[in-house]
Amino acid sequence: LWVGSVVWVWPRPGHAPRELVLDVVVERKSAADLGHSIRDGRYREQKFRLHRSGLRYPVYLLEAPGEGEPLPLPLPTLRQAATNTQVVDSFFVKHTRDPQESATYLGILGRHLKRRF
């Protein structure tokens, strides 16, 4: 099963062609997908897999609903799930307005990791 939507992989310079997986993994969710995931149990399973992955910096990237977007669960329920994910499960939760802002965040995070590693 896949773990996360985005994971960074770096080639090992000067070594045989093997790659290293960095300790950051991002699970991206739109508001509607978050609601569906909570309803069908995938959300709990995904958090479990992210915890068991051994990666130290799991990130939940949550996109706000578009104006008038139908949601499978009330917005306060989705906000409570996000808060629980951060406080109880110790994930970093990043909220974005839309897919464009999510892409910008991932680009910034990727550049930061490139400088660091």
N, C-alpha and C. Protein backbone atom coordinates (compact mmCIF):
# COMPACT_ATOMS: atom_id res chain seq x y z
N LEU A 1 0.83 -1.18 0.00
CA LEU A 1 0.00 0.00 0.00
C LEU A 1 0.87 1.24 0.00
N TRP A 2 0.39 2.26 -0.66
CA TRP A 2 1.12 3.52 -0.71
C TRP A 2 1.12 4.18 0.65
N VAL A 3 2.18 4.87 0.96
CA VAL A 3 2.27 5.66 2.17
C VAL A 3 2.49 7.10 1.75
N GLY A 4 1.49 7.92 1.92
CA GLY A 4 1.62 9.33 1.60
C GLY A 4 1.42 9.64 0.14
N SER A 5 1.13 10.92 -0.12
CA SER A 5 0.97 11.40 -1.49
C SER A 5 2.31 11.80 -2.07
N VAL A 6 3.18 12.34 -1.22
CA VAL A 6 4.48 12.84 -1.66
C VAL A 6 5.55 12.36 -0.69
N VAL A 7 6.61 11.82 -1.23
CA VAL A 7 7.77 11.45 -0.42
C VAL A 7 9.00 11.85 -1.22
N TRP A 8 10.02 12.36 -0.57
CA TRP A 8 11.21 12.81 -1.27
C TRP A 8 12.25 11.71 -1.28
N VAL A 9 12.82 11.48 -2.44
CA VAL A 9 13.84 10.45 -2.63
C VAL A 9 15.07 11.14 -3.22
N TRP A 10 16.22 10.89 -2.62
CA TRP A 10 17.46 11.49 -3.08
C TRP A 10 18.43 10.41 -3.53
N PRO A 11 19.11 10.63 -4.68
CA PRO A 11 20.15 9.68 -5.07
C PRO A 11 21.35 9.82 -4.13
N ARG A 12 22.05 8.74 -3.92
CA ARG A 12 23.24 8.77 -3.08
C ARG A 12 24.44 9.09 -3.95
N PRO A 13 24.98 10.31 -3.88
CA PRO A 13 26.12 10.68 -4.72
C PRO A 13 27.33 9.80 -4.43
N GLY A 14 27.98 9.36 -5.49
CA GLY A 14 29.21 8.58 -5.35
C GLY A 14 29.00 7.14 -4.95
N HIS A 15 27.79 6.67 -4.93
CA HIS A 15 27.49 5.30 -4.54
C HIS A 15 26.78 4.58 -5.68
N ALA A 16 26.62 3.32 -5.50
CA ALA A 16 25.85 2.53 -6.47
C ALA A 16 24.47 3.17 -6.61
N PRO A 17 23.81 2.95 -7.73
CA PRO A 17 22.53 3.63 -7.96
C PRO A 17 21.43 3.16 -7.00
N ARG A 18 21.51 3.67 -5.80
CA ARG A 18 20.46 3.43 -4.79
C ARG A 18 19.95 4.78 -4.35
N GLU A 19 18.78 4.81 -3.81
CA GLU A 19 18.19 6.06 -3.38
C GLU A 19 17.89 6.03 -1.89
N LEU A 20 17.87 7.21 -1.30
CA LEU A 20 17.51 7.35 0.10
C LEU A 20 16.15 8.05 0.18
N VAL A 21 15.29 7.56 1.06
CA VAL A 21 14.01 8.21 1.31
C VAL A 21 14.21 9.14 2.50
N LEU A 22 13.89 10.41 2.30
CA LEU A 22 14.04 11.37 3.39
C LEU A 22 12.92 11.17 4.41
N ASP A 23 13.08 11.76 5.58
CA ASP A 23 12.16 11.54 6.70
C ASP A 23 10.87 12.36 6.63
N VAL A 24 10.55 12.92 5.47
CA VAL A 24 9.35 13.73 5.31
C VAL A 24 8.40 13.03 4.36
N VAL A 25 7.15 12.90 4.78
CA VAL A 25 6.11 12.33 3.92
C VAL A 25 4.89 13.23 4.04
N VAL A 26 4.25 13.49 2.90
CA VAL A 26 3.09 14.37 2.87
C VAL A 26 1.88 13.60 2.36
N GLU A 27 0.79 13.69 3.09
CA GLU A 27 -0.49 13.13 2.66
C GLU A 27 -1.39 14.32 2.36
N ARG A 28 -1.73 14.50 1.08
CA ARG A 28 -2.56 15.62 0.64
C ARG A 28 -4.03 15.20 0.57
N LYS A 29 -4.89 16.07 1.09
CA LYS A 29 -6.32 15.78 1.08
C LYS A 29 -7.09 17.06 0.76
N SER A 30 -8.04 16.95 -0.17
CA SER A 30 -9.01 18.02 -0.34
C SER A 30 -10.03 17.85 0.80
N ALA A 31 -10.84 18.88 1.03
CA ALA A 31 -11.83 18.79 2.10
C ALA A 31 -12.80 17.65 1.85
N ALA A 32 -13.24 17.49 0.59
CA ALA A 32 -14.17 16.41 0.27
C ALA A 32 -13.51 15.05 0.48
N ASP A 33 -12.26 14.91 0.06
CA ASP A 33 -11.56 13.63 0.23
C ASP A 33 -11.36 13.31 1.71
N LEU A 34 -11.07 14.34 2.50
CA LEU A 34 -10.93 14.13 3.94
C LEU A 34 -12.23 13.57 4.51
N GLY A 35 -13.35 14.18 4.15
CA GLY A 35 -14.65 13.70 4.63
C GLY A 35 -14.94 12.27 4.21
N HIS A 36 -14.67 11.95 2.94
CA HIS A 36 -14.90 10.58 2.47
C HIS A 36 -13.97 9.60 3.18
N SER A 37 -12.72 10.02 3.40
CA SER A 37 -11.75 9.15 4.08
C SER A 37 -12.17 8.85 5.51
N ILE A 38 -12.70 9.85 6.18
CA ILE A 38 -13.17 9.65 7.56
C ILE A 38 -14.35 8.69 7.56
N ARG A 39 -15.27 8.91 6.64
CA ARG A 39 -16.47 8.06 6.57
C ARG A 39 -16.18 6.60 6.30
N ASP A 40 -15.26 6.32 5.36
CA ASP A 40 -15.04 4.92 4.98
C ASP A 40 -13.88 4.26 5.72
N GLY A 41 -13.25 4.97 6.66
CA GLY A 41 -12.21 4.37 7.47
C GLY A 41 -10.80 4.49 6.92
N ARG A 42 -10.64 5.03 5.71
CA ARG A 42 -9.29 5.17 5.13
C ARG A 42 -8.44 6.14 5.92
N TYR A 43 -9.06 7.15 6.50
CA TYR A 43 -8.32 8.18 7.23
C TYR A 43 -7.56 7.57 8.40
N ARG A 44 -8.23 6.78 9.18
CA ARG A 44 -7.60 6.12 10.33
C ARG A 44 -6.48 5.17 9.85
N GLU A 45 -6.77 4.41 8.78
CA GLU A 45 -5.78 3.48 8.23
C GLU A 45 -4.55 4.22 7.69
N GLN A 46 -4.76 5.34 7.02
CA GLN A 46 -3.64 6.11 6.48
C GLN A 46 -2.78 6.67 7.61
N LYS A 47 -3.41 7.19 8.64
CA LYS A 47 -2.62 7.69 9.77
C LYS A 47 -1.82 6.57 10.41
N PHE A 48 -2.42 5.40 10.55
CA PHE A 48 -1.72 4.24 11.11
C PHE A 48 -0.50 3.89 10.26
N ARG A 49 -0.67 3.82 8.93
CA ARG A 49 0.44 3.49 8.03
C ARG A 49 1.54 4.54 8.08
N LEU A 50 1.15 5.81 8.16
CA LEU A 50 2.16 6.87 8.24
C LEU A 50 2.96 6.76 9.53
N HIS A 51 2.28 6.46 10.64
CA HIS A 51 3.00 6.26 11.91
C HIS A 51 3.95 5.08 11.81
N ARG A 52 3.52 3.99 11.21
CA ARG A 52 4.33 2.78 11.11
C ARG A 52 5.43 2.86 10.05
N SER A 53 5.40 3.88 9.20
CA SER A 53 6.37 3.98 8.11
C SER A 53 7.78 4.22 8.63
N GLY A 54 7.90 4.76 9.85
CA GLY A 54 9.22 5.08 10.39
C GLY A 54 9.72 6.45 9.98
N LEU A 55 8.98 7.12 9.11
CA LEU A 55 9.37 8.48 8.71
C LEU A 55 9.01 9.43 9.84
N ARG A 56 9.95 10.30 10.20
CA ARG A 56 9.79 11.11 11.40
C ARG A 56 8.93 12.35 11.23
N TYR A 57 8.72 12.81 10.00
CA TYR A 57 8.00 14.07 9.80
C TYR A 57 6.80 13.88 8.87
N PRO A 58 5.74 13.27 9.39
CA PRO A 58 4.53 13.15 8.57
C PRO A 58 3.78 14.48 8.53
N VAL A 59 3.33 14.84 7.34
CA VAL A 59 2.60 16.09 7.14
C VAL A 59 1.25 15.76 6.51
N TYR A 60 0.20 16.33 7.05
CA TYR A 60 -1.11 16.27 6.40
C TYR A 60 -1.34 17.63 5.76
N LEU A 61 -1.46 17.64 4.46
CA LEU A 61 -1.69 18.86 3.69
C LEU A 61 -3.18 18.88 3.35
N LEU A 62 -3.91 19.77 4.01
CA LEU A 62 -5.36 19.81 3.88
C LEU A 62 -5.80 21.06 3.13
N GLU A 63 -6.50 20.84 2.02
CA GLU A 63 -6.99 21.96 1.20
C GLU A 63 -8.40 22.34 1.63
N ALA A 64 -8.63 23.63 1.76
CA ALA A 64 -9.95 24.16 2.14
C ALA A 64 -10.96 23.85 1.05
N PRO A 65 -12.21 23.72 1.43
CA PRO A 65 -13.23 23.47 0.40
C PRO A 65 -13.43 24.71 -0.47
N GLY A 66 -13.73 24.46 -1.73
CA GLY A 66 -14.08 25.57 -2.61
C GLY A 66 -15.44 26.11 -2.23
N GLU A 67 -15.70 27.34 -2.65
CA GLU A 67 -16.98 27.96 -2.31
C GLU A 67 -18.13 27.15 -2.88
N GLY A 68 -19.05 26.75 -2.02
CA GLY A 68 -20.21 25.98 -2.44
C GLY A 68 -19.93 24.51 -2.71
N GLU A 69 -18.71 24.07 -2.43
CA GLU A 69 -18.35 22.66 -2.66
C GLU A 69 -19.14 21.77 -1.69
N PRO A 70 -19.83 20.75 -2.21
CA PRO A 70 -20.54 19.85 -1.30
C PRO A 70 -19.54 18.97 -0.52
N LEU A 71 -19.80 18.82 0.76
CA LEU A 71 -18.91 18.04 1.62
C LEU A 71 -19.69 16.87 2.20
N PRO A 72 -19.03 15.71 2.35
CA PRO A 72 -19.70 14.54 2.91
C PRO A 72 -19.93 14.64 4.41
N LEU A 73 -19.20 15.52 5.08
CA LEU A 73 -19.36 15.75 6.52
C LEU A 73 -19.36 17.25 6.77
N PRO A 74 -19.96 17.71 7.85
CA PRO A 74 -19.96 19.15 8.14
C PRO A 74 -18.53 19.69 8.33
N LEU A 75 -18.32 20.93 7.93
CA LEU A 75 -17.01 21.56 8.04
C LEU A 75 -16.45 21.53 9.47
N PRO A 76 -17.25 21.78 10.52
CA PRO A 76 -16.70 21.68 11.88
C PRO A 76 -16.14 20.28 12.20
N THR A 77 -16.74 19.25 11.65
CA THR A 77 -16.24 17.88 11.85
C THR A 77 -14.88 17.71 11.19
N LEU A 78 -14.72 18.27 9.99
CA LEU A 78 -13.44 18.19 9.29
C LEU A 78 -12.36 18.98 10.04
N ARG A 79 -12.74 20.13 10.56
CA ARG A 79 -11.78 20.93 11.33
C ARG A 79 -11.36 20.20 12.61
N GLN A 80 -12.30 19.54 13.25
CA GLN A 80 -11.98 18.77 14.46
C GLN A 80 -11.04 17.62 14.13
N ALA A 81 -11.27 16.94 13.01
CA ALA A 81 -10.38 15.86 12.59
C ALA A 81 -8.97 16.38 12.35
N ALA A 82 -8.86 17.56 11.72
CA ALA A 82 -7.54 18.16 11.47
C ALA A 82 -6.84 18.49 12.79
N THR A 83 -7.59 19.04 13.73
CA THR A 83 -7.02 19.38 15.04
C THR A 83 -6.57 18.12 15.77
N ASN A 84 -7.38 17.08 15.75
CA ASN A 84 -7.00 15.81 16.39
C ASN A 84 -5.75 15.23 15.75
N THR A 85 -5.66 15.33 14.43
CA THR A 85 -4.50 14.80 13.72
C THR A 85 -3.23 15.50 14.19
N GLN A 86 -3.33 16.80 14.43
CA GLN A 86 -2.15 17.54 14.87
C GLN A 86 -1.86 17.32 16.36
N VAL A 87 -2.88 17.44 17.20
CA VAL A 87 -2.67 17.40 18.65
C VAL A 87 -2.51 15.97 19.16
N VAL A 88 -3.42 15.08 18.78
CA VAL A 88 -3.41 13.72 19.31
C VAL A 88 -2.39 12.84 18.58
N ASP A 89 -2.36 12.93 17.24
CA ASP A 89 -1.50 12.05 16.45
C ASP A 89 -0.11 12.62 16.19
N SER A 90 0.14 13.87 16.56
CA SER A 90 1.44 14.53 16.42
C SER A 90 1.91 14.67 14.97
N PHE A 91 0.98 14.84 14.05
CA PHE A 91 1.32 15.14 12.67
C PHE A 91 1.40 16.65 12.51
N PHE A 92 2.24 17.11 11.60
CA PHE A 92 2.19 18.52 11.23
C PHE A 92 1.05 18.66 10.23
N VAL A 93 0.13 19.59 10.49
CA VAL A 93 -0.99 19.81 9.59
C VAL A 93 -0.82 21.17 8.93
N LYS A 94 -0.76 21.16 7.61
CA LYS A 94 -0.64 22.39 6.83
C LYS A 94 -1.96 22.61 6.10
N HIS A 95 -2.57 23.77 6.32
CA HIS A 95 -3.82 24.11 5.65
C HIS A 95 -3.51 25.02 4.46
N THR A 96 -4.10 24.72 3.32
CA THR A 96 -3.95 25.57 2.15
C THR A 96 -5.33 25.93 1.61
N ARG A 97 -5.36 26.99 0.80
CA ARG A 97 -6.63 27.46 0.24
C ARG A 97 -7.10 26.64 -0.94
N ASP A 98 -6.14 26.13 -1.74
CA ASP A 98 -6.51 25.46 -2.99
C ASP A 98 -5.32 24.64 -3.50
N PRO A 99 -5.51 23.87 -4.59
CA PRO A 99 -4.41 23.05 -5.12
C PRO A 99 -3.18 23.87 -5.52
N GLN A 100 -3.38 25.10 -6.00
CA GLN A 100 -2.23 25.95 -6.37
C GLN A 100 -1.37 26.27 -5.15
N GLU A 101 -2.01 26.62 -4.05
CA GLU A 101 -1.26 26.91 -2.84
C GLU A 101 -0.58 25.65 -2.31
N SER A 102 -1.22 24.49 -2.47
CA SER A 102 -0.60 23.22 -2.08
C SER A 102 0.66 22.97 -2.90
N ALA A 103 0.59 23.21 -4.21
CA ALA A 103 1.75 23.02 -5.09
C ALA A 103 2.88 23.97 -4.70
N THR A 104 2.53 25.20 -4.36
CA THR A 104 3.54 26.16 -3.93
C THR A 104 4.21 25.68 -2.65
N TYR A 105 3.42 25.21 -1.69
CA TYR A 105 3.97 24.70 -0.43
C TYR A 105 4.92 23.53 -0.68
N LEU A 106 4.50 22.58 -1.54
CA LEU A 106 5.35 21.43 -1.83
C LEU A 106 6.65 21.86 -2.50
N GLY A 107 6.59 22.85 -3.37
CA GLY A 107 7.80 23.37 -4.01
C GLY A 107 8.75 23.98 -2.99
N ILE A 108 8.21 24.76 -2.06
CA ILE A 108 9.04 25.37 -1.01
C ILE A 108 9.64 24.30 -0.12
N LEU A 109 8.84 23.33 0.27
CA LEU A 109 9.33 22.24 1.11
C LEU A 109 10.42 21.45 0.38
N GLY A 110 10.21 21.18 -0.91
CA GLY A 110 11.22 20.47 -1.70
C GLY A 110 12.54 21.23 -1.78
N ARG A 111 12.47 22.55 -1.99
CA ARG A 111 13.69 23.37 -2.04
C ARG A 111 14.40 23.36 -0.68
N HIS A 112 13.63 23.45 0.41
CA HIS A 112 14.22 23.40 1.75
C HIS A 112 14.96 22.07 1.96
N LEU A 113 14.32 20.96 1.56
CA LEU A 113 14.96 19.66 1.73
C LEU A 113 16.21 19.53 0.87
N LYS A 114 16.16 20.11 -0.32
CA LYS A 114 17.34 20.06 -1.22
C LYS A 114 18.52 20.80 -0.58
N ARG A 115 18.25 21.97 0.01
CA ARG A 115 19.33 22.71 0.68
C ARG A 115 19.85 21.93 1.88
N ARG A 116 18.93 21.32 2.62
CA ARG A 116 19.33 20.62 3.84
C ARG A 116 20.11 19.34 3.56
N PHE A 117 19.72 18.61 2.52
CA PHE A 117 20.35 17.33 2.25
C PHE A 117 21.23 17.37 1.03
